[in-house]
């Protein structure tokens, strides 16, 4: 594993866990009605995508072992560059369906460095 890989994995994990905590006990309707919640979740997903994008540049082998990494980076790009077209339903789907498996994979990779 490349020297900065653990840092990027840690950053992605922390941001993904934060996003998960932010929506805990919330519904999609809650999410839609709370602009601060939407902003907070989007920011954490931007960090996840940025960290994984940096990991992909510096350590392609480790990055390749993370399912959906290209989609996480692509979502980051939409959130940052195409913010006016962000689909709240898509973001909510990512949070509901992909954060937990991503966190599990990131923890596993970090534990292997340990």
Protein backbone atom coordinates (compact mmCIF):
# COMPACT_ATOMS: atom_id res chain seq x y z
CA UNK A 1 0.00 0.00 0.00
CA UNK A 2 1.30 3.46 -0.92
CA UNK A 3 2.33 5.78 1.94
CA UNK A 4 -0.69 8.14 1.76
CA UNK A 5 -3.23 5.38 1.18
CA UNK A 6 -4.11 4.94 4.86
CA UNK A 7 -4.75 8.68 5.17
CA UNK A 8 -7.14 8.69 2.22
CA UNK A 9 -8.89 5.56 3.46
CA UNK A 10 -9.24 7.14 6.92
CA UNK A 11 -10.57 10.41 5.50
CA UNK A 12 -13.12 8.57 3.35
CA UNK A 13 -14.20 6.39 6.25
CA UNK A 14 -14.63 9.31 8.64
CA UNK A 15 -16.70 11.27 6.12
CA UNK A 16 -18.86 8.26 5.21
CA UNK A 17 -19.49 7.52 8.89
CA UNK A 18 -20.39 11.18 9.51
CA UNK A 19 -22.90 11.15 6.67
CA UNK A 20 -24.41 7.99 8.11
CA UNK A 21 -24.72 9.55 11.55
CA UNK A 22 -26.30 12.68 10.09
CA UNK A 23 -29.16 10.70 8.52
CA UNK A 24 -29.65 8.20 11.32
CA UNK A 25 -33.34 8.07 12.19
CA UNK A 26 -34.23 10.37 9.29
CA UNK A 27 -36.51 9.70 6.35
CA UNK A 28 -36.23 10.88 2.80
CA UNK A 29 -38.93 13.47 3.55
CA UNK A 30 -36.87 14.71 6.51
CA UNK A 31 -33.88 14.94 4.20
CA UNK A 32 -35.81 16.93 1.60
CA UNK A 33 -37.18 19.36 4.18
CA UNK A 34 -33.86 20.05 5.91
CA UNK A 35 -31.45 22.08 3.79
CA UNK A 36 -28.77 21.94 6.47
CA UNK A 37 -28.96 18.13 6.54
CA UNK A 38 -28.75 17.96 2.74
CA UNK A 39 -25.76 20.30 2.74
CA UNK A 40 -24.00 18.36 5.46
CA UNK A 41 -24.52 14.99 3.77
CA UNK A 42 -23.45 16.34 0.39
CA UNK A 43 -20.28 17.81 1.92
CA UNK A 44 -19.33 14.48 3.48
CA UNK A 45 -19.95 12.68 0.18
CA UNK A 46 -17.71 15.25 -1.52
CA UNK A 47 -14.95 14.35 0.95
CA UNK A 48 -15.49 10.63 0.36
CA UNK A 49 -15.21 11.11 -3.39
CA UNK A 50 -12.19 13.38 -3.15
CA UNK A 51 -10.33 11.03 -0.80
CA UNK A 52 -11.08 8.03 -2.99
CA UNK A 53 -10.07 9.98 -6.10
CA UNK A 54 -6.73 10.80 -4.50
CA UNK A 55 -6.35 7.16 -3.46
CA UNK A 56 -6.97 6.08 -7.06
CA UNK A 57 -4.20 8.41 -8.28
CA UNK A 58 -1.65 7.35 -5.68
CA UNK A 59 -2.51 3.69 -5.16
CA UNK A 60 -4.53 2.27 -8.05
CA UNK A 61 -4.24 -1.30 -6.75
CA UNK A 62 -5.86 -0.49 -3.40
CA UNK A 63 -8.43 1.75 -5.08
CA UNK A 64 -9.40 -1.09 -7.43
CA UNK A 65 -10.39 -3.18 -4.42
CA UNK A 66 -13.12 -0.71 -3.44
CA UNK A 67 -16.43 -1.47 -5.14
CA UNK A 68 -18.22 1.58 -6.54
CA UNK A 69 -15.14 3.80 -6.23
CA UNK A 70 -15.67 5.28 -9.72
CA UNK A 71 -19.28 6.10 -8.81
CA UNK A 72 -18.20 7.77 -5.54
CA UNK A 73 -15.73 9.95 -7.43
CA UNK A 74 -18.33 10.73 -10.10
CA UNK A 75 -20.84 11.73 -7.42
CA UNK A 76 -18.25 14.03 -5.89
CA UNK A 77 -17.76 15.66 -9.28
CA UNK A 78 -21.49 16.22 -9.68
CA UNK A 79 -21.79 17.65 -6.16
CA UNK A 80 -18.88 20.02 -6.75
CA UNK A 81 -19.23 20.98 -10.40
CA UNK A 82 -22.87 20.36 -11.29
CA UNK A 83 -24.42 21.32 -7.96
CA UNK A 84 -27.50 22.78 -9.65
CA UNK A 85 -28.41 19.35 -11.01
CA UNK A 86 -27.99 17.30 -7.82
CA UNK A 87 -30.69 14.66 -7.58
CA UNK A 88 -31.75 14.38 -3.93
CA UNK A 89 -33.27 10.95 -4.50
CA UNK A 90 -29.98 9.68 -5.92
CA UNK A 91 -28.01 11.10 -2.97
CA UNK A 92 -30.45 9.54 -0.51
CA UNK A 93 -30.14 6.20 -2.33
CA UNK A 94 -26.37 6.35 -2.02
CA UNK A 95 -26.65 7.03 1.70
CA UNK A 96 -29.18 4.26 2.26
CA UNK A 97 -27.65 1.56 0.07
CA UNK A 98 -23.94 2.21 -0.35
CA UNK A 99 -22.52 3.88 2.77
CA UNK A 100 -22.59 0.83 5.05
CA UNK A 101 -20.83 -1.51 2.60
CA UNK A 102 -18.33 1.22 1.78
CA UNK A 103 -17.54 1.78 5.46
CA UNK A 104 -17.08 -1.97 5.97
CA UNK A 105 -14.66 -2.18 3.05
CA UNK A 106 -12.69 0.88 4.18
CA UNK A 107 -12.41 -0.51 7.73
CA UNK A 108 -11.18 -3.83 6.37
CA UNK A 109 -8.52 -2.11 4.27
CA UNK A 110 -7.42 0.08 7.18
CA UNK A 111 -7.22 -2.96 9.48
CA UNK A 112 -4.98 -4.70 6.98
CA UNK A 113 -2.50 -1.82 7.24
CA UNK A 114 -2.72 -1.81 11.01
